[in-house]
Amino acid sequence: MFPTKKVQSMIGSRIQVEMKGDEHLLEGMLESVDDYLNLHLLDTVEIANGERMRSLGSVVLRGNNIILIIPVE
C-alpha cells in the first residue's frame, strides 16, 4: 500500500505527528490529506513530554516537514 493511501485510510481518526526540528508532537483529528501528504488536523493539541501543552485548533501541516505519523487508539 502506498503511504498516501495508508494515511487517507486514517481520515476521521486521531493521529499524532512528529515534525522536523520540533521536539513536541501534535495530536488531532485527521480531516484531510493530499498527494503531497499535507495534512489538515482539527482539535489539535501540542504534546511535550507526554503532557498536553496547548490547544491549537485547526492546523494545516506541510507534508515535507513531517517525520512520523502515529495513529492514536
N, C-alpha and C. Protein backbone atom coordinates (compact mmCIF):
# COMPACT_ATOMS: atom_id res chain seq x y z
N MET A 1 0.86 -1.18 0.00
CA MET A 1 0.00 0.00 0.00
C MET A 1 0.90 1.24 0.00
N PHE A 2 0.56 2.22 -0.83
CA PHE A 2 1.31 3.47 -0.89
C PHE A 2 1.07 4.29 0.37
N PRO A 3 2.07 5.07 0.80
CA PRO A 3 1.90 5.87 2.03
C PRO A 3 0.69 6.80 1.98
N THR A 4 0.42 7.40 0.82
CA THR A 4 -0.72 8.32 0.74
C THR A 4 -2.04 7.58 0.96
N LYS A 5 -2.15 6.37 0.44
CA LYS A 5 -3.38 5.59 0.63
C LYS A 5 -3.54 5.17 2.09
N LYS A 6 -2.44 4.81 2.74
CA LYS A 6 -2.49 4.42 4.15
C LYS A 6 -2.94 5.60 5.00
N VAL A 7 -2.38 6.78 4.76
CA VAL A 7 -2.76 7.97 5.53
C VAL A 7 -4.20 8.36 5.23
N GLN A 8 -4.62 8.25 3.97
CA GLN A 8 -6.01 8.56 3.62
C GLN A 8 -6.99 7.63 4.32
N SER A 9 -6.56 6.41 4.60
CA SER A 9 -7.44 5.47 5.31
C SER A 9 -7.63 5.87 6.78
N MET A 10 -6.79 6.78 7.28
CA MET A 10 -6.90 7.24 8.68
C MET A 10 -7.74 8.50 8.82
N ILE A 11 -8.31 9.02 7.73
CA ILE A 11 -9.14 10.21 7.82
C ILE A 11 -10.32 9.93 8.75
N GLY A 12 -10.57 10.85 9.65
CA GLY A 12 -11.64 10.70 10.63
C GLY A 12 -11.16 10.12 11.96
N SER A 13 -9.88 9.75 12.04
CA SER A 13 -9.35 9.21 13.29
C SER A 13 -8.28 10.16 13.86
N ARG A 14 -7.95 9.94 15.14
CA ARG A 14 -6.94 10.78 15.79
C ARG A 14 -5.55 10.26 15.46
N ILE A 15 -4.64 11.20 15.19
CA ILE A 15 -3.25 10.84 14.90
C ILE A 15 -2.32 11.78 15.67
N GLN A 16 -1.08 11.33 15.86
CA GLN A 16 -0.01 12.17 16.37
C GLN A 16 0.98 12.35 15.25
N VAL A 17 1.57 13.55 15.16
CA VAL A 17 2.51 13.87 14.09
C VAL A 17 3.77 14.46 14.71
N GLU A 18 4.93 13.92 14.28
CA GLU A 18 6.22 14.47 14.68
C GLU A 18 6.74 15.28 13.50
N MET A 19 7.15 16.53 13.77
CA MET A 19 7.60 17.43 12.73
C MET A 19 9.12 17.61 12.80
N LYS A 20 9.73 17.97 11.66
CA LYS A 20 11.16 18.26 11.62
C LYS A 20 11.47 19.44 12.54
N GLY A 21 12.59 19.36 13.24
CA GLY A 21 13.07 20.47 14.04
C GLY A 21 12.22 20.81 15.25
N ASP A 22 11.32 19.93 15.63
CA ASP A 22 10.43 20.21 16.77
C ASP A 22 10.42 18.99 17.68
N GLU A 23 10.62 19.23 18.97
CA GLU A 23 10.63 18.11 19.92
C GLU A 23 9.25 17.78 20.44
N HIS A 24 8.24 18.56 20.07
CA HIS A 24 6.88 18.32 20.51
C HIS A 24 6.11 17.53 19.45
N LEU A 25 5.08 16.82 19.89
CA LEU A 25 4.17 16.13 18.99
C LEU A 25 2.91 16.96 18.84
N LEU A 26 2.25 16.81 17.72
CA LEU A 26 0.93 17.40 17.52
C LEU A 26 -0.07 16.26 17.43
N GLU A 27 -1.18 16.38 18.14
CA GLU A 27 -2.22 15.35 18.09
C GLU A 27 -3.53 16.01 17.70
N GLY A 28 -4.22 15.40 16.72
CA GLY A 28 -5.50 15.94 16.30
C GLY A 28 -6.27 14.95 15.45
N MET A 29 -7.47 15.33 15.07
CA MET A 29 -8.34 14.53 14.22
C MET A 29 -7.98 14.83 12.77
N LEU A 30 -7.61 13.79 12.02
CA LEU A 30 -7.23 13.97 10.62
C LEU A 30 -8.48 14.27 9.79
N GLU A 31 -8.53 15.47 9.23
CA GLU A 31 -9.66 15.92 8.44
C GLU A 31 -9.46 15.59 6.95
N SER A 32 -8.23 15.86 6.45
CA SER A 32 -7.96 15.59 5.04
C SER A 32 -6.46 15.47 4.80
N VAL A 33 -6.12 14.86 3.66
CA VAL A 33 -4.72 14.69 3.24
C VAL A 33 -4.69 14.76 1.72
N ASP A 34 -3.59 15.29 1.16
CA ASP A 34 -3.46 15.32 -0.30
C ASP A 34 -2.31 14.44 -0.76
N ASP A 35 -2.00 14.47 -2.05
CA ASP A 35 -0.96 13.61 -2.62
C ASP A 35 0.44 13.94 -2.12
N TYR A 36 0.64 15.14 -1.56
CA TYR A 36 1.95 15.55 -1.03
C TYR A 36 2.05 15.29 0.47
N LEU A 37 1.05 14.62 1.03
CA LEU A 37 0.93 14.33 2.47
C LEU A 37 0.80 15.59 3.31
N ASN A 38 0.28 16.69 2.72
CA ASN A 38 -0.12 17.83 3.52
C ASN A 38 -1.33 17.39 4.32
N LEU A 39 -1.36 17.70 5.62
CA LEU A 39 -2.43 17.24 6.49
C LEU A 39 -3.23 18.41 7.04
N HIS A 40 -4.53 18.20 7.19
CA HIS A 40 -5.39 19.15 7.88
C HIS A 40 -5.90 18.44 9.12
N LEU A 41 -5.54 18.98 10.31
CA LEU A 41 -5.96 18.41 11.58
C LEU A 41 -6.94 19.33 12.28
N LEU A 42 -7.94 18.76 12.93
CA LEU A 42 -8.90 19.51 13.74
C LEU A 42 -8.67 19.18 15.21
N ASP A 43 -9.08 20.08 16.10
CA ASP A 43 -8.95 19.88 17.55
C ASP A 43 -7.52 19.49 17.92
N THR A 44 -6.55 20.20 17.37
CA THR A 44 -5.14 19.85 17.54
C THR A 44 -4.60 20.38 18.87
N VAL A 45 -3.80 19.55 19.53
CA VAL A 45 -3.10 19.95 20.76
C VAL A 45 -1.62 19.64 20.60
N GLU A 46 -0.80 20.45 21.27
CA GLU A 46 0.64 20.24 21.28
C GLU A 46 1.00 19.42 22.51
N ILE A 47 1.83 18.39 22.33
CA ILE A 47 2.19 17.50 23.43
C ILE A 47 3.70 17.52 23.61
N ALA A 48 4.15 17.77 24.85
CA ALA A 48 5.58 17.76 25.19
C ALA A 48 5.77 16.90 26.43
N ASN A 49 6.70 15.96 26.37
CA ASN A 49 6.98 15.06 27.49
C ASN A 49 5.73 14.33 27.96
N GLY A 50 4.86 13.94 27.02
CA GLY A 50 3.65 13.21 27.35
C GLY A 50 2.55 14.04 27.99
N GLU A 51 2.73 15.35 28.02
CA GLU A 51 1.78 16.26 28.67
C GLU A 51 1.24 17.25 27.64
N ARG A 52 -0.08 17.45 27.67
CA ARG A 52 -0.70 18.40 26.74
C ARG A 52 -0.33 19.83 27.14
N MET A 53 0.28 20.55 26.19
CA MET A 53 0.76 21.90 26.47
C MET A 53 -0.27 22.98 26.15
N ARG A 54 -0.76 22.97 24.90
CA ARG A 54 -1.73 23.99 24.49
C ARG A 54 -2.59 23.50 23.35
N SER A 55 -3.74 24.10 23.24
CA SER A 55 -4.69 23.76 22.18
C SER A 55 -4.44 24.67 20.98
N LEU A 56 -4.37 24.09 19.77
CA LEU A 56 -4.09 24.86 18.56
C LEU A 56 -5.29 24.95 17.62
N GLY A 57 -6.30 24.11 17.83
CA GLY A 57 -7.48 24.14 16.98
C GLY A 57 -7.22 23.50 15.63
N SER A 58 -7.60 24.20 14.55
CA SER A 58 -7.43 23.71 13.18
C SER A 58 -6.02 24.04 12.69
N VAL A 59 -5.31 23.02 12.18
CA VAL A 59 -3.92 23.18 11.76
C VAL A 59 -3.71 22.51 10.40
N VAL A 60 -2.95 23.16 9.53
CA VAL A 60 -2.54 22.56 8.27
C VAL A 60 -1.02 22.34 8.35
N LEU A 61 -0.59 21.10 8.11
CA LEU A 61 0.83 20.73 8.20
C LEU A 61 1.35 20.42 6.81
N ARG A 62 2.49 21.00 6.48
CA ARG A 62 3.10 20.75 5.17
C ARG A 62 3.78 19.39 5.16
N GLY A 63 3.51 18.59 4.16
CA GLY A 63 3.97 17.22 4.09
C GLY A 63 5.48 17.03 4.16
N ASN A 64 6.26 17.96 3.55
CA ASN A 64 7.71 17.76 3.55
C ASN A 64 8.36 18.06 4.89
N ASN A 65 7.59 18.53 5.88
CA ASN A 65 8.12 18.77 7.22
C ASN A 65 7.71 17.68 8.21
N ILE A 66 6.98 16.67 7.74
CA ILE A 66 6.50 15.60 8.62
C ILE A 66 7.51 14.46 8.65
N ILE A 67 7.87 14.03 9.87
CA ILE A 67 8.78 12.90 10.04
C ILE A 67 8.01 11.62 10.27
N LEU A 68 7.00 11.68 11.14
CA LEU A 68 6.32 10.47 11.59
C LEU A 68 4.84 10.74 11.83
N ILE A 69 3.99 9.81 11.41
CA ILE A 69 2.55 9.87 11.67
C ILE A 69 2.18 8.63 12.47
N ILE A 70 1.57 8.84 13.65
CA ILE A 70 1.25 7.75 14.56
C ILE A 70 -0.26 7.73 14.80
N PRO A 71 -0.95 6.62 14.49
CA PRO A 71 -2.38 6.53 14.83
C PRO A 71 -2.55 6.42 16.35
N VAL A 72 -3.55 7.12 16.88
CA VAL A 72 -3.85 7.09 18.33
C VAL A 72 -5.03 6.17 18.54
N GLU A 73 -4.92 5.28 19.51
CA GLU A 73 -6.00 4.32 19.78
C GLU A 73 -6.87 4.77 20.91
